[in-house]
Amino acid sequence: KCGIVKGISRESFGAAELISREDLTVMCAR
């Protein structure tokens, strides 16, 4: 809702997937 995160696809959030270092940084930047 606040634009910090998106899914790994339109249908999937990927909750159980390990977060990559670059995705972690993107989410922190957002």
PDB file of all heavy atoms in Angstrom:
ATOM      1  N   LYS A   1       0.818  -1.225   0.000  1.00  0.00           N
ATOM      2  CA  LYS A   1       0.000   0.000   0.000  1.00  0.00           C
ATOM      3  C   LYS A   1       0.849   1.270   0.000  1.00  0.00           C
ATOM      4  O   LYS A   1       0.512   2.266  -0.643  1.00  0.00           O
ATOM      5  CB  LYS A   1      -0.937  -0.012   1.206  1.00  0.00           C
ATOM      6  CG  LYS A   1      -2.048   1.007   1.106  1.00  0.00           C
ATOM      7  CD  LYS A   1      -3.107   0.719   2.168  1.00  0.00           C
ATOM      8  CE  LYS A   1      -4.456   1.088   1.654  1.00  0.00           C
ATOM      9  NZ  LYS A   1      -5.371   0.090   1.300  1.00  0.00           N
ATOM     10  N   CYS A   2       1.974   1.247   0.711  1.00  0.00           N
ATOM     11  CA  CYS A   2       2.798   2.460   0.757  1.00  0.00           C
ATOM     12  C   CYS A   2       3.953   2.423  -0.251  1.00  0.00           C
ATOM     13  O   CYS A   2       4.790   3.319  -0.256  1.00  0.00           O
ATOM     14  CB  CYS A   2       3.304   2.714   2.171  1.00  0.00           C
ATOM     15  SG  CYS A   2       4.471   1.522   2.758  1.00  0.00           S
ATOM     16  N   GLY A   3       3.979   1.397  -1.099  1.00  0.00           N
ATOM     17  CA  GLY A   3       4.948   1.371  -2.187  1.00  0.00           C
ATOM     18  C   GLY A   3       6.338   0.895  -1.835  1.00  0.00           C
ATOM     19  O   GLY A   3       7.283   1.080  -2.599  1.00  0.00           O
ATOM     20  N   ILE A   4       6.484   0.239  -0.690  1.00  0.00           N
ATOM     21  CA  ILE A   4       7.803  -0.248  -0.279  1.00  0.00           C
ATOM     22  C   ILE A   4       8.176  -1.546  -0.991  1.00  0.00           C
ATOM     23  O   ILE A   4       9.341  -1.820  -1.252  1.00  0.00           O
ATOM     24  CB  ILE A   4       7.834  -0.462   1.255  1.00  0.00           C
ATOM     25  CG1 ILE A   4       7.827   0.887   1.956  1.00  0.00           C
ATOM     26  CG2 ILE A   4       9.045  -1.264   1.691  1.00  0.00           C
ATOM     27  CD1 ILE A   4       7.731   0.781   3.454  1.00  0.00           C
ATOM     28  N   VAL A   5       7.168  -2.355  -1.304  1.00  0.00           N
ATOM     29  CA  VAL A   5       7.460  -3.676  -1.869  1.00  0.00           C
ATOM     30  C   VAL A   5       6.470  -4.011  -2.969  1.00  0.00           C
ATOM     31  O   VAL A   5       5.333  -3.525  -2.978  1.00  0.00           O
ATOM     32  CB  VAL A   5       7.436  -4.753  -0.753  1.00  0.00           C
ATOM     33  CG1 VAL A   5       6.027  -5.000  -0.239  1.00  0.00           C
ATOM     34  CG2 VAL A   5       8.071  -6.056  -1.219  1.00  0.00           C
ATOM     35  N   LYS A   6       6.938  -4.834  -3.895  1.00  0.00           N
ATOM     36  CA  LYS A   6       6.089  -5.394  -4.951  1.00  0.00           C
ATOM     37  C   LYS A   6       6.265  -6.898  -4.913  1.00  0.00           C
ATOM     38  O   LYS A   6       7.141  -7.409  -4.218  1.00  0.00           O
ATOM     39  CB  LYS A   6       6.524  -4.854  -6.315  1.00  0.00           C
ATOM     40  CG  LYS A   6       6.428  -3.341  -6.425  1.00  0.00           C
ATOM     41  CD  LYS A   6       6.978  -2.860  -7.740  1.00  0.00           C
ATOM     42  CE  LYS A   6       6.907  -1.328  -7.808  1.00  0.00           C
ATOM     43  NZ  LYS A   6       7.510  -0.791  -9.009  1.00  0.00           N
ATOM     44  N   GLY A   7       5.470  -7.590  -5.663  1.00  0.00           N
ATOM     45  CA  GLY A   7       5.626  -9.034  -5.727  1.00  0.00           C
ATOM     46  C   GLY A   7       6.747  -9.426  -6.670  1.00  0.00           C
ATOM     47  O   GLY A   7       7.315  -8.591  -7.381  1.00  0.00           O
ATOM     48  N   ILE A   8       7.073 -10.722  -6.671  1.00  0.00           N
ATOM     49  CA  ILE A   8       8.064 -11.210  -7.623  1.00  0.00           C
ATOM     50  C   ILE A   8       7.410 -11.415  -8.991  1.00  0.00           C
ATOM     51  O   ILE A   8       8.088 -11.587  -9.998  1.00  0.00           O
ATOM     52  CB  ILE A   8       8.739 -12.511  -7.136  1.00  0.00           C
ATOM     53  CG1 ILE A   8       7.701 -13.604  -6.857  1.00  0.00           C
ATOM     54  CG2 ILE A   8       9.566 -12.233  -5.886  1.00  0.00           C
ATOM     55  CD1 ILE A   8       8.301 -14.957  -6.548  1.00  0.00           C
ATOM     56  N   SER A   9       6.071 -11.400  -8.993  1.00  0.00           N
ATOM     57  CA  SER A   9       5.279 -11.402 -10.221  1.00  0.00           C
ATOM     58  C   SER A   9       3.935 -10.779  -9.868  1.00  0.00           C
ATOM     59  O   SER A   9       3.687 -10.436  -8.715  1.00  0.00           O
ATOM     60  CB  SER A   9       5.093 -12.826 -10.760  1.00  0.00           C
ATOM     61  OG  SER A   9       4.208 -13.552  -9.921  1.00  0.00           O
ATOM     62  N   ARG A  10       3.052 -10.674 -10.823  1.00  0.00           N
ATOM     63  CA  ARG A  10       1.727 -10.096 -10.514  1.00  0.00           C
ATOM     64  C   ARG A  10       0.941 -10.984  -9.564  1.00  0.00           C
ATOM     65  O   ARG A  10       0.129 -10.491  -8.781  1.00  0.00           O
ATOM     66  CB  ARG A  10       0.925  -9.924 -11.809  1.00  0.00           C
ATOM     67  CG  ARG A  10       1.459  -8.828 -12.685  1.00  0.00           C
ATOM     68  CD  ARG A  10       0.543  -8.622 -13.839  1.00  0.00           C
ATOM     69  NE  ARG A  10       0.143  -7.220 -13.844  1.00  0.00           N
ATOM     70  CZ  ARG A  10      -0.627  -6.685 -14.755  1.00  0.00           C
ATOM     71  NH1 ARG A  10      -1.126  -7.420 -15.705  1.00  0.00           N
ATOM     72  NH2 ARG A  10      -0.924  -5.413 -14.700  1.00  0.00           N
ATOM     73  N   GLU A  11       1.152 -12.297  -9.650  1.00  0.00           N
ATOM     74  CA  GLU A  11       0.379 -13.238  -8.842  1.00  0.00           C
ATOM     75  C   GLU A  11       1.057 -13.641  -7.542  1.00  0.00           C
ATOM     76  O   GLU A  11       0.408 -14.113  -6.622  1.00  0.00           O
ATOM     77  CB  GLU A  11       0.093 -14.528  -9.636  1.00  0.00           C
ATOM     78  CG  GLU A  11      -0.711 -14.337 -10.910  1.00  0.00           C
ATOM     79  CD  GLU A  11       0.133 -13.824 -12.073  1.00  0.00           C
ATOM     80  OE1 GLU A  11       1.354 -14.086 -12.092  1.00  0.00           O
ATOM     81  OE2 GLU A  11      -0.435 -13.132 -12.939  1.00  0.00           O
ATOM     82  N   SER A  12       2.381 -13.493  -7.464  1.00  0.00           N
ATOM     83  CA  SER A  12       3.127 -14.050  -6.336  1.00  0.00           C
ATOM     84  C   SER A  12       3.950 -12.998  -5.606  1.00  0.00           C
ATOM     85  O   SER A  12       4.665 -12.215  -6.230  1.00  0.00           O
ATOM     86  CB  SER A  12       4.049 -15.170  -6.843  1.00  0.00           C
ATOM     87  OG  SER A  12       4.852 -15.666  -5.806  1.00  0.00           O
ATOM     88  N   PHE A  13       3.851 -13.019  -4.281  1.00  0.00           N
ATOM     89  CA  PHE A  13       4.702 -12.156  -3.475  1.00  0.00           C
ATOM     90  C   PHE A  13       6.059 -12.804  -3.241  1.00  0.00           C
ATOM     91  O   PHE A  13       7.063 -12.127  -3.110  1.00  0.00           O
ATOM     92  CB  PHE A  13       4.039 -11.839  -2.129  1.00  0.00           C
ATOM     93  CG  PHE A  13       4.914 -10.998  -1.241  1.00  0.00           C
ATOM     94  CD1 PHE A  13       5.144  -9.663  -1.537  1.00  0.00           C
ATOM     95  CD2 PHE A  13       5.529 -11.545  -0.126  1.00  0.00           C
ATOM     96  CE1 PHE A  13       5.976  -8.891  -0.743  1.00  0.00           C
ATOM     97  CE2 PHE A  13       6.357 -10.773   0.677  1.00  0.00           C
ATOM     98  CZ  PHE A  13       6.582  -9.444   0.364  1.00  0.00           C
ATOM     99  N   GLY A  14       6.086 -14.134  -3.166  1.00  0.00           N
ATOM    100  CA  GLY A  14       7.344 -14.840  -2.892  1.00  0.00           C
ATOM    101  C   GLY A  14       7.723 -14.779  -1.429  1.00  0.00           C
ATOM    102  O   GLY A  14       8.896 -14.641  -1.079  1.00  0.00           O
ATOM    103  N   ALA A  15       6.724 -14.921  -0.554  1.00  0.00           N
ATOM    104  CA  ALA A  15       6.941 -14.751   0.884  1.00  0.00           C
ATOM    105  C   ALA A  15       8.036 -15.655   1.445  1.00  0.00           C
ATOM    106  O   ALA A  15       8.828 -15.229   2.284  1.00  0.00           O
ATOM    107  CB  ALA A  15       5.631 -15.003   1.630  1.00  0.00           C
ATOM    108  N   ALA A  16       8.090 -16.893   0.986  1.00  0.00           N
ATOM    109  CA  ALA A  16       9.054 -17.853   1.537  1.00  0.00           C
ATOM    110  C   ALA A  16      10.414 -17.786   0.851  1.00  0.00           C
ATOM    111  O   ALA A  16      11.362 -18.425   1.299  1.00  0.00           O
ATOM    112  CB  ALA A  16       8.486 -19.271   1.440  1.00  0.00           C
ATOM    113  N   GLU A  17      10.529 -17.010  -0.207  1.00  0.00           N
ATOM    114  CA  GLU A  17      11.809 -16.909  -0.908  1.00  0.00           C
ATOM    115  C   GLU A  17      12.789 -16.073  -0.093  1.00  0.00           C
ATOM    116  O   GLU A  17      12.407 -15.118   0.570  1.00  0.00           O
ATOM    117  CB  GLU A  17      11.623 -16.263  -2.286  1.00  0.00           C
ATOM    118  CG  GLU A  17      10.901 -17.159  -3.258  1.00  0.00           C
ATOM    119  CD  GLU A  17      11.027 -16.645  -4.689  1.00  0.00           C
ATOM    120  OE1 GLU A  17      11.867 -15.756  -4.957  1.00  0.00           O
ATOM    121  OE2 GLU A  17      10.280 -17.159  -5.528  1.00  0.00           O
ATOM    122  N   LEU A  18      14.057 -16.439  -0.184  1.00  0.00           N
ATOM    123  CA  LEU A  18      15.083 -15.658   0.504  1.00  0.00           C
ATOM    124  C   LEU A  18      15.242 -14.322  -0.206  1.00  0.00           C
ATOM    125  O   LEU A  18      15.246 -14.257  -1.431  1.00  0.00           O
ATOM    126  CB  LEU A  18      16.410 -16.414   0.510  1.00  0.00           C
ATOM    127  CG  LEU A  18      16.382 -17.767   1.217  1.00  0.00           C
ATOM    128  CD1 LEU A  18      17.771 -18.405   1.197  1.00  0.00           C
ATOM    129  CD2 LEU A  18      15.876 -17.644   2.649  1.00  0.00           C
ATOM    130  N   ILE A  19      15.368 -13.273   0.570  1.00  0.00           N
ATOM    131  CA  ILE A  19      15.503 -11.943  -0.032  1.00  0.00           C
ATOM    132  C   ILE A  19      16.942 -11.739  -0.495  1.00  0.00           C
ATOM    133  O   ILE A  19      17.881 -12.128   0.197  1.00  0.00           O
ATOM    134  CB  ILE A  19      15.066 -10.828   0.941  1.00  0.00           C
ATOM    135  CG1 ILE A  19      14.918  -9.515   0.192  1.00  0.00           C
ATOM    136  CG2 ILE A  19      16.009 -10.701   2.123  1.00  0.00           C
ATOM    137  CD1 ILE A  19      14.112  -8.476   0.922  1.00  0.00           C
ATOM    138  N   SER A  20      17.093 -11.159  -1.659  1.00  0.00           N
ATOM    139  CA  SER A  20      18.441 -10.868  -2.159  1.00  0.00           C
ATOM    140  C   SER A  20      18.934  -9.563  -1.542  1.00  0.00           C
ATOM    141  O   SER A  20      18.148  -8.714  -1.096  1.00  0.00           O
ATOM    142  CB  SER A  20      18.438 -10.755  -3.684  1.00  0.00           C
ATOM    143  OG  SER A  20      17.732  -9.597  -4.089  1.00  0.00           O
ATOM    144  N   ARG A  21      20.237  -9.399  -1.543  1.00  0.00           N
ATOM    145  CA  ARG A  21      20.820  -8.185  -0.968  1.00  0.00           C
ATOM    146  C   ARG A  21      20.380  -6.941  -1.739  1.00  0.00           C
ATOM    147  O   ARG A  21      20.153  -5.885  -1.150  1.00  0.00           O
ATOM    148  CB  ARG A  21      22.341  -8.319  -0.947  1.00  0.00           C
ATOM    149  CG  ARG A  21      22.809  -9.357   0.066  1.00  0.00           C
ATOM    150  CD  ARG A  21      24.234  -9.827  -0.184  1.00  0.00           C
ATOM    151  NE  ARG A  21      25.230  -8.789  -0.063  1.00  0.00           N
ATOM    152  CZ  ARG A  21      25.896  -8.486   1.052  1.00  0.00           C
ATOM    153  NH1 ARG A  21      25.645  -9.154   2.156  1.00  0.00           N
ATOM    154  NH2 ARG A  21      26.802  -7.539   1.058  1.00  0.00           N
ATOM    155  N   GLU A  22      20.223  -7.067  -3.064  1.00  0.00           N
ATOM    156  CA  GLU A  22      19.794  -5.889  -3.822  1.00  0.00           C
ATOM    157  C   GLU A  22      18.321  -5.574  -3.574  1.00  0.00           C
ATOM    158  O   GLU A  22      17.947  -4.404  -3.464  1.00  0.00           O
ATOM    159  CB  GLU A  22      20.089  -6.037  -5.317  1.00  0.00           C
ATOM    160  CG  GLU A  22      19.347  -7.117  -6.039  1.00  0.00           C
ATOM    161  CD  GLU A  22      19.730  -7.200  -7.518  1.00  0.00           C
ATOM    162  OE1 GLU A  22      20.642  -6.478  -7.982  1.00  0.00           O
ATOM    163  OE2 GLU A  22      19.104  -8.021  -8.228  1.00  0.00           O
ATOM    164  N   ASP A  23      17.465  -6.597  -3.444  1.00  0.00           N
ATOM    165  CA  ASP A  23      16.056  -6.336  -3.154  1.00  0.00           C
ATOM    166  C   ASP A  23      15.875  -5.739  -1.760  1.00  0.00           C
ATOM    167  O   ASP A  23      15.043  -4.853  -1.550  1.00  0.00           O
ATOM    168  CB  ASP A  23      15.226  -7.612  -3.284  1.00  0.00           C
ATOM    169  CG  ASP A  23      14.914  -7.965  -4.736  1.00  0.00           C
ATOM    170  OD1 ASP A  23      15.295  -7.184  -5.634  1.00  0.00           O
ATOM    171  OD2 ASP A  23      14.297  -9.019  -4.969  1.00  0.00           O
ATOM    172  N   LEU A  24      16.658  -6.229  -0.816  1.00  0.00           N
ATOM    173  CA  LEU A  24      16.630  -5.675   0.539  1.00  0.00           C
ATOM    174  C   LEU A  24      16.962  -4.180   0.499  1.00  0.00           C
ATOM    175  O   LEU A  24      16.286  -3.360   1.128  1.00  0.00           O
ATOM    176  CB  LEU A  24      17.646  -6.447   1.379  1.00  0.00           C
ATOM    177  CG  LEU A  24      17.927  -6.032   2.807  1.00  0.00           C
ATOM    178  CD1 LEU A  24      18.297  -7.261   3.628  1.00  0.00           C
ATOM    179  CD2 LEU A  24      19.065  -5.031   2.877  1.00  0.00           C
ATOM    180  N   THR A  25      17.971  -3.827  -0.288  1.00  0.00           N
ATOM    181  CA  THR A  25      18.385  -2.425  -0.377  1.00  0.00           C
ATOM    182  C   THR A  25      17.315  -1.572  -1.054  1.00  0.00           C
ATOM    183  O   THR A  25      17.036  -0.447  -0.630  1.00  0.00           O
ATOM    184  CB  THR A  25      19.729  -2.310  -1.115  1.00  0.00           C
ATOM    185  OG1 THR A  25      20.681  -3.178  -0.483  1.00  0.00           O
ATOM    186  CG2 THR A  25      20.258  -0.886  -1.083  1.00  0.00           C
ATOM    187  N   VAL A  26      16.694  -2.122  -2.104  1.00  0.00           N
ATOM    188  CA  VAL A  26      15.613  -1.391  -2.791  1.00  0.00           C
ATOM    189  C   VAL A  26      14.454  -1.127  -1.831  1.00  0.00           C
ATOM    190  O   VAL A  26      13.912  -0.016  -1.776  1.00  0.00           O
ATOM    191  CB  VAL A  26      15.134  -2.166  -4.037  1.00  0.00           C
ATOM    192  CG1 VAL A  26      13.821  -1.599  -4.566  1.00  0.00           C
ATOM    193  CG2 VAL A  26      16.201  -2.131  -5.123  1.00  0.00           C
ATOM    194  N   MET A  27      14.062  -2.137  -1.062  1.00  0.00           N
ATOM    195  CA  MET A  27      12.958  -1.956  -0.118  1.00  0.00           C
ATOM    196  C   MET A  27      13.303  -0.923   0.956  1.00  0.00           C
ATOM    197  O   MET A  27      12.457  -0.123   1.369  1.00  0.00           O
ATOM    198  CB  MET A  27      12.584  -3.303   0.504  1.00  0.00           C
ATOM    199  CG  MET A  27      11.873  -4.229  -0.486  1.00  0.00           C
ATOM    200  SD  MET A  27      11.801  -5.971   0.024  1.00  0.00           S
ATOM    201  CE  MET A  27      10.762  -5.873   1.462  1.00  0.00           C
ATOM    202  N   CYS A  28      14.551  -0.908   1.399  1.00  0.00           N
ATOM    203  CA  CYS A  28      14.978   0.097   2.377  1.00  0.00           C
ATOM    204  C   CYS A  28      14.968   1.495   1.760  1.00  0.00           C
ATOM    205  O   CYS A  28      14.562   2.463   2.410  1.00  0.00           O
ATOM    206  CB  CYS A  28      16.365  -0.243   2.903  1.00  0.00           C
ATOM    207  SG  CYS A  28      16.374  -1.596   4.092  1.00  0.00           S
ATOM    208  N   ALA A  29      15.399   1.598   0.516  1.00  0.00           N
ATOM    209  CA  ALA A  29      15.393   2.902  -0.169  1.00  0.00           C
ATOM    210  C   ALA A  29      13.967   3.414  -0.320  1.00  0.00           C
ATOM    211  O   ALA A  29      13.694   4.613  -0.127  1.00  0.00           O
ATOM    212  CB  ALA A  29      16.069   2.786  -1.529  1.00  0.00           C
ATOM    213  N   ARG A  30      13.042   2.535  -0.644  1.00  0.00           N
ATOM    214  CA  ARG A  30      11.636   2.945  -0.759  1.00  0.00           C
ATOM    215  C   ARG A  30      11.077   3.355   0.596  1.00  0.00           C
ATOM    216  O   ARG A  30      10.248   4.267   0.689  1.00  0.00           O
ATOM    217  CB  ARG A  30      10.808   1.808  -1.362  1.00  0.00           C
ATOM    218  CG  ARG A  30      11.104   1.556  -2.838  1.00  0.00           C
ATOM    219  CD  ARG A  30      10.303   0.381  -3.330  1.00  0.00           C
ATOM    220  NE  ARG A  30      10.608   0.059  -4.717  1.00  0.00           N
ATOM    221  CZ  ARG A  30      10.439  -1.153  -5.251  1.00  0.00           C
ATOM    222  NH1 ARG A  30       9.958  -2.144  -4.510  1.00  0.00           N
ATOM    223  NH2 ARG A  30      10.730  -1.381  -6.508  1.00  0.00           N
TER     224      ARG A  30
END
